[in-house]
Amino acid sequence: MQFILNPIIKNGLFLFFVFLLVISLVLTFRQKVYHESVMSKTSTNISGYFDDKISRATSFVNLNKDNKLLQHENAELRKELEMLKGEISESDTTTKTLSNLQFHQTYSFIPAQVINNSIVKAHNMITINKGTRHGVEKGMGIISHNGVIGYVYNTSENYSRVMSTLNTNTRINARIKGNEYFGTIRWNGKDSRFAQLTEIPKYIKVEKGDTIETDGKSPAIPGGIMIGTVFSSKIDETSGELNIQVKLKENFGKLRYAQVVLNLEKQEIITVERDSITQNAQP
């Protein structure tokens, strides 16, 4: 015991100084918006760097499965491309741009790798290896070939933190394919295989196996992307609306690749909506 206490007594003043320094830094970063922003970006960059190294070291284990997954995804994309050829007449084949005429939005996609992911917390986050240097911005949607992954929450130069679909704060505009009724997808924090679709009127007929997809009303996520299928439904006694249990198509426990959605017309949409609000506010 004396052996442990001697160094502490000998360096007591220095340790007390370090303690005060840490307290002062914590208070500074918490109370100053600029310092908090710098700290957040630095933390994202550092954690992303180490997550990237760990991900690269372990990725060889799943390399064969990943290659098969990519081959399957390429086959599905080629199938969708052939279908779109008959629907899109004004398409620039020299660019990687998809014109979604049904929802009047134009998108391009930034491929990314998931280097850190959690599914057992209430507020799950995902780290991807793309940041501001690659054109990623806060608020952008993240998708995979199996559905919606979440939204960009914070960025550094080379990495981004994503608020996962499996986050109790995430909200996704969705609809029941076929009847066009839309509501909100949210996660109740329980089972990572399921999410809940709310705000659907109780008189709507819903059957097990019905497809739930994005409704195209968000500038961050294209319309028509499958989220999952109806597993069960019941009337919420409090709201009087349907509470639909949705079996997610994406297996978040095996998530390794994603795409960042870049809406090329997002700024124009925001400008039009802002001008409309300003005009309506005038007497």
Protein backbone atom coordinates (compact mmCIF):
# COMPACT_ATOMS: atom_id res chain seq x y z
CA MET A 1 0.00 0.00 0.00
CA GLN A 2 2.81 2.41 0.92
CA PHE A 3 4.45 1.60 -2.42
CA ILE A 4 1.31 2.90 -4.18
CA LEU A 5 0.84 5.98 -1.98
CA ASN A 6 4.45 7.25 -2.20
CA PRO A 7 4.30 8.28 -5.91
CA ILE A 8 0.93 9.95 -5.34
CA ILE A 9 2.24 11.95 -2.36
CA LYS A 10 5.44 12.83 -4.18
CA ASN A 11 3.62 14.10 -7.30
CA GLY A 12 0.53 15.45 -5.56
CA LEU A 13 0.78 19.00 -6.91
CA PHE A 14 1.30 17.82 -10.48
CA LEU A 15 -1.65 15.44 -10.33
CA PHE A 16 -3.84 18.19 -8.86
CA PHE A 17 -2.81 20.48 -11.74
CA VAL A 18 -3.72 17.80 -14.31
CA PHE A 19 -7.09 17.30 -12.61
CA LEU A 20 -7.87 21.04 -12.79
CA LEU A 21 -6.73 21.17 -16.41
CA VAL A 22 -9.09 18.34 -17.41
CA ILE A 23 -12.01 20.02 -15.60
CA SER A 24 -11.34 23.34 -17.33
CA LEU A 25 -11.17 21.71 -20.77
CA VAL A 26 -14.43 19.85 -20.21
CA LEU A 27 -16.22 23.03 -19.13
CA THR A 28 -14.81 24.97 -22.10
CA PHE A 29 -15.91 22.43 -24.72
CA ARG A 30 -19.36 22.06 -23.18
CA GLN A 31 -20.15 25.75 -22.94
CA LYS A 32 -18.65 27.08 -26.17
CA VAL A 33 -20.39 26.13 -29.45
CA TYR A 34 -17.23 26.54 -31.54
CA HIS A 35 -15.10 24.44 -29.20
CA GLU A 36 -17.84 21.80 -29.01
CA SER A 37 -17.95 21.66 -32.82
CA VAL A 38 -14.18 21.28 -33.05
CA MET A 39 -14.23 18.57 -30.39
CA SER A 40 -17.03 16.71 -32.19
CA LYS A 41 -15.23 16.74 -35.54
CA THR A 42 -11.95 15.71 -33.93
CA SER A 43 -13.62 12.87 -32.06
CA THR A 44 -15.34 11.66 -35.24
CA ASN A 45 -12.04 11.76 -37.15
CA ILE A 46 -10.04 9.93 -34.47
CA SER A 47 -12.65 7.25 -33.79
CA GLY A 48 -13.17 6.81 -37.52
CA TYR A 49 -9.44 6.32 -38.07
CA PHE A 50 -9.16 3.54 -35.48
CA ASP A 51 -12.45 1.94 -36.56
CA ASP A 52 -11.13 1.91 -40.12
CA LYS A 53 -7.94 0.13 -39.07
CA ILE A 54 -9.88 -2.48 -37.09
CA SER A 55 -12.33 -2.96 -39.95
CA ARG A 56 -9.53 -3.54 -42.46
CA ALA A 57 -7.87 -6.07 -40.18
CA THR A 58 -11.08 -8.11 -39.81
CA SER A 59 -12.54 -7.71 -43.31
CA PHE A 60 -10.47 -10.57 -44.76
CA VAL A 61 -12.48 -13.03 -42.67
CA ASN A 62 -15.67 -12.15 -44.56
CA LEU A 63 -14.06 -11.43 -47.93
CA ASN A 64 -15.61 -14.38 -49.74
CA LYS A 65 -19.12 -13.63 -48.46
CA ASP A 66 -18.70 -9.95 -49.28
CA ASN A 67 -17.72 -10.74 -52.86
CA LYS A 68 -20.82 -12.89 -53.28
CA LEU A 69 -22.95 -10.10 -51.81
CA LEU A 70 -21.47 -7.55 -54.23
CA GLN A 71 -22.05 -9.87 -57.17
CA HIS A 72 -25.68 -10.29 -56.14
CA GLU A 73 -26.10 -6.54 -55.74
CA ASN A 74 -24.56 -5.88 -59.17
CA ALA A 75 -26.98 -8.36 -60.71
CA GLU A 76 -29.94 -6.64 -59.06
CA LEU A 77 -28.71 -3.21 -60.19
CA ARG A 78 -28.33 -4.43 -63.73
CA LYS A 79 -31.90 -5.78 -63.64
CA GLU A 80 -33.22 -2.44 -62.35
CA LEU A 81 -31.21 -0.58 -65.01
CA GLU A 82 -32.86 -2.59 -67.77
CA MET A 83 -36.28 -1.77 -66.32
CA LEU A 84 -35.45 1.94 -66.08
CA LYS A 85 -34.34 2.10 -69.70
CA GLY A 86 -37.95 1.75 -70.75
CA GLU A 87 -39.16 4.41 -68.33
CA ILE A 88 -36.54 7.16 -68.56
CA SER A 89 -36.21 8.90 -71.89
CA GLU A 90 -33.92 11.75 -70.86
CA SER A 91 -31.00 10.06 -69.16
CA ASP A 92 -27.30 10.87 -69.42
CA THR A 93 -25.63 7.47 -69.66
CA THR A 94 -22.18 8.98 -69.18
CA THR A 95 -22.88 9.88 -65.54
CA LYS A 96 -23.83 7.91 -62.44
CA THR A 97 -27.05 9.86 -62.03
CA LEU A 98 -30.49 8.35 -61.55
CA SER A 99 -33.48 10.51 -62.49
CA ASN A 100 -36.46 9.47 -60.36
CA LEU A 101 -39.25 10.96 -62.49
CA GLN A 102 -42.05 9.64 -60.31
CA PHE A 103 -40.96 11.87 -57.42
CA HIS A 104 -39.32 14.65 -59.49
CA GLN A 105 -35.92 14.29 -57.84
CA THR A 106 -32.48 13.50 -59.20
CA TYR A 107 -29.96 11.49 -57.21
CA SER A 108 -26.41 10.26 -57.35
CA PHE A 109 -24.79 7.88 -54.90
CA ILE A 110 -21.50 7.73 -53.01
CA PRO A 111 -20.43 4.15 -52.18
CA ALA A 112 -19.19 3.66 -48.61
CA GLN A 113 -18.01 0.92 -46.29
CA VAL A 114 -19.40 0.46 -42.79
CA ILE A 115 -16.44 0.36 -40.40
CA ASN A 116 -18.33 0.48 -37.10
CA ASN A 117 -21.90 -0.41 -36.20
CA SER A 118 -24.03 -1.12 -33.14
CA ILE A 119 -27.49 -2.71 -32.87
CA VAL A 120 -28.00 -3.35 -29.13
CA LYS A 121 -28.28 0.22 -27.85
CA ALA A 122 -31.27 2.55 -27.81
CA HIS A 123 -29.42 5.14 -29.89
CA ASN A 124 -27.38 3.06 -32.32
CA MET A 125 -24.84 4.79 -34.55
CA ILE A 126 -22.89 3.71 -37.64
CA THR A 127 -19.49 4.93 -38.89
CA ILE A 128 -18.73 4.96 -42.63
CA ASN A 129 -15.43 5.66 -44.38
CA LYS A 130 -16.64 8.69 -46.35
CA GLY A 131 -16.63 12.33 -45.18
CA THR A 132 -16.72 15.91 -46.37
CA ARG A 133 -13.78 15.27 -48.70
CA HIS A 134 -16.02 12.90 -50.64
CA GLY A 135 -19.05 15.23 -50.68
CA VAL A 136 -20.88 13.88 -47.63
CA GLU A 137 -22.90 16.40 -45.62
CA LYS A 138 -24.95 16.28 -42.44
CA GLY A 139 -28.54 15.21 -43.06
CA MET A 140 -27.86 13.09 -46.15
CA GLY A 141 -29.65 9.75 -46.37
CA ILE A 142 -27.83 6.42 -46.23
CA ILE A 143 -29.19 3.37 -48.02
CA SER A 144 -28.08 -0.16 -48.91
CA HIS A 145 -29.36 -2.68 -51.44
CA ASN A 146 -31.68 -3.89 -48.66
CA GLY A 147 -33.24 -0.60 -47.56
CA VAL A 148 -32.74 2.59 -45.55
CA ILE A 149 -29.77 2.62 -43.16
CA GLY A 150 -30.21 6.08 -41.60
CA TYR A 151 -29.10 9.70 -41.87
CA VAL A 152 -25.70 11.40 -41.61
CA TYR A 153 -25.41 12.85 -38.12
CA ASN A 154 -21.87 14.22 -38.08
CA THR A 155 -18.92 14.38 -40.47
CA SER A 156 -15.16 14.82 -40.52
CA GLU A 157 -12.93 15.05 -43.57
CA ASN A 158 -12.76 11.29 -44.16
CA TYR A 159 -15.46 9.72 -41.99
CA SER A 160 -19.11 10.18 -41.07
CA ARG A 161 -21.29 9.11 -38.16
CA VAL A 162 -24.75 7.92 -39.17
CA MET A 163 -27.86 7.86 -37.00
CA SER A 164 -29.04 4.33 -37.68
CA THR A 165 -32.58 3.25 -38.51
CA LEU A 166 -32.16 1.31 -35.25
CA ASN A 167 -32.11 4.55 -33.28
CA THR A 168 -35.16 5.59 -31.27
CA ASN A 169 -34.73 9.18 -32.55
CA THR A 170 -34.76 8.26 -36.25
CA ARG A 171 -37.88 8.95 -38.32
CA ILE A 172 -38.37 7.70 -41.91
CA ASN A 173 -41.24 8.67 -44.21
CA ALA A 174 -42.78 5.44 -45.49
CA ARG A 175 -45.88 4.09 -47.18
CA ILE A 176 -47.67 0.81 -47.83
CA LYS A 177 -46.95 -0.14 -51.40
CA GLY A 178 -50.11 -0.40 -53.45
CA ASN A 179 -52.52 1.77 -51.46
CA GLU A 180 -50.26 4.85 -51.18
CA TYR A 181 -51.11 5.54 -47.52
CA PHE A 182 -48.06 6.95 -45.78
CA GLY A 183 -46.84 7.18 -42.21
CA THR A 184 -43.64 7.17 -40.18
CA ILE A 185 -41.17 4.37 -39.56
CA ARG A 186 -39.58 4.42 -36.12
CA TRP A 187 -37.79 1.90 -33.89
CA ASN A 188 -38.97 1.10 -30.37
CA GLY A 189 -35.51 0.04 -29.15
CA LYS A 190 -36.34 -3.63 -28.67
CA ASP A 191 -35.72 -6.04 -31.55
CA SER A 192 -33.21 -5.12 -34.28
CA ARG A 193 -35.16 -7.20 -36.80
CA PHE A 194 -38.31 -5.08 -36.58
CA ALA A 195 -39.40 -1.44 -36.83
CA GLN A 196 -42.84 0.13 -36.40
CA LEU A 197 -44.96 1.98 -38.96
CA THR A 198 -47.34 4.45 -37.31
CA GLU A 199 -49.84 7.15 -38.34
CA ILE A 200 -51.79 4.80 -40.62
CA PRO A 201 -55.62 5.11 -40.35
CA LYS A 202 -57.26 2.11 -38.67
CA TYR A 203 -59.67 1.51 -41.56
CA ILE A 204 -56.82 0.73 -43.98
CA LYS A 205 -56.61 -2.93 -44.94
CA VAL A 206 -53.16 -4.30 -44.23
CA GLU A 207 -52.05 -7.87 -44.74
CA LYS A 208 -49.01 -9.77 -43.58
CA GLY A 209 -46.32 -9.64 -46.26
CA ASP A 210 -47.33 -6.25 -47.68
CA THR A 211 -44.32 -4.20 -48.79
CA ILE A 212 -43.33 -1.07 -46.88
CA GLU A 213 -41.25 1.42 -48.86
CA THR A 214 -40.06 5.03 -48.75
CA ASP A 215 -42.65 7.51 -50.01
CA GLY A 216 -40.34 10.01 -51.75
CA LYS A 217 -41.45 12.99 -49.67
CA SER A 218 -38.04 13.42 -48.06
CA PRO A 219 -35.30 15.09 -50.14
CA ALA A 220 -32.75 12.86 -48.38
CA ILE A 221 -34.13 9.47 -49.47
CA PRO A 222 -35.47 8.46 -52.92
CA GLY A 223 -38.98 7.11 -53.15
CA GLY A 224 -39.78 3.45 -53.74
CA ILE A 225 -36.94 1.96 -51.68
CA MET A 226 -38.11 -1.16 -49.86
CA ILE A 227 -37.78 -1.00 -46.08
CA GLY A 228 -39.40 -4.30 -45.16
CA THR A 229 -42.66 -6.22 -45.05
CA VAL A 230 -45.67 -6.21 -42.73
CA PHE A 231 -45.27 -8.79 -39.96
CA SER A 232 -48.34 -7.91 -37.90
CA SER A 233 -50.71 -5.02 -37.21
CA LYS A 234 -53.09 -3.89 -34.49
CA ILE A 235 -55.04 -0.79 -33.52
CA ASP A 236 -53.32 1.45 -31.00
CA GLU A 237 -55.78 2.01 -28.15
CA THR A 238 -54.36 5.45 -27.40
CA SER A 239 -54.19 7.01 -30.87
CA GLY A 240 -56.84 4.88 -32.59
CA GLU A 241 -54.43 4.35 -35.51
CA LEU A 242 -52.80 1.21 -36.83
CA ASN A 243 -49.51 0.17 -35.29
CA ILE A 244 -47.78 -1.99 -37.88
CA GLN A 245 -44.86 -4.25 -37.03
CA VAL A 246 -42.43 -4.20 -39.98
CA LYS A 247 -39.89 -6.98 -40.59
CA LEU A 248 -36.84 -5.09 -41.84
CA LYS A 249 -35.26 -6.36 -45.05
CA GLU A 250 -31.79 -5.23 -43.94
CA ASN A 251 -29.92 -7.39 -41.44
CA PHE A 252 -28.13 -4.64 -39.52
CA GLY A 253 -25.97 -7.16 -37.70
CA LYS A 254 -24.28 -8.04 -41.01
CA LEU A 255 -24.23 -4.56 -42.55
CA ARG A 256 -20.92 -3.86 -44.32
CA TYR A 257 -21.64 -1.68 -47.37
CA ALA A 258 -23.86 1.34 -47.95
CA GLN A 259 -24.45 4.29 -50.26
CA VAL A 260 -24.74 7.96 -49.38
CA VAL A 261 -27.63 9.62 -51.22
CA LEU A 262 -26.81 12.91 -52.92
CA ASN A 263 -29.92 14.79 -54.05
CA LEU A 264 -28.78 17.09 -56.84
CA GLU A 265 -31.96 19.15 -56.57
CA LYS A 266 -32.05 19.39 -52.77
CA GLN A 267 -30.97 23.02 -52.62
CA GLU A 268 -33.59 24.04 -55.19
CA ILE A 269 -36.31 22.24 -53.18
CA ILE A 270 -35.20 23.91 -49.95
CA THR A 271 -35.15 27.34 -51.63
CA VAL A 272 -38.68 26.93 -53.04
CA GLU A 273 -40.07 25.73 -49.71
CA ARG A 274 -38.36 28.56 -47.81
CA ASP A 275 -39.65 31.20 -50.24
CA SER A 276 -43.18 29.76 -49.92
CA ILE A 277 -43.04 30.02 -46.14
CA THR A 278 -41.78 33.61 -46.37
CA GLN A 279 -44.56 34.63 -48.77
CA ASN A 280 -47.27 33.01 -46.65
CA ALA A 281 -45.96 34.78 -43.57
CA GLN A 282 -46.39 38.20 -45.19
CA PRO A 283 -49.71 40.01 -44.56
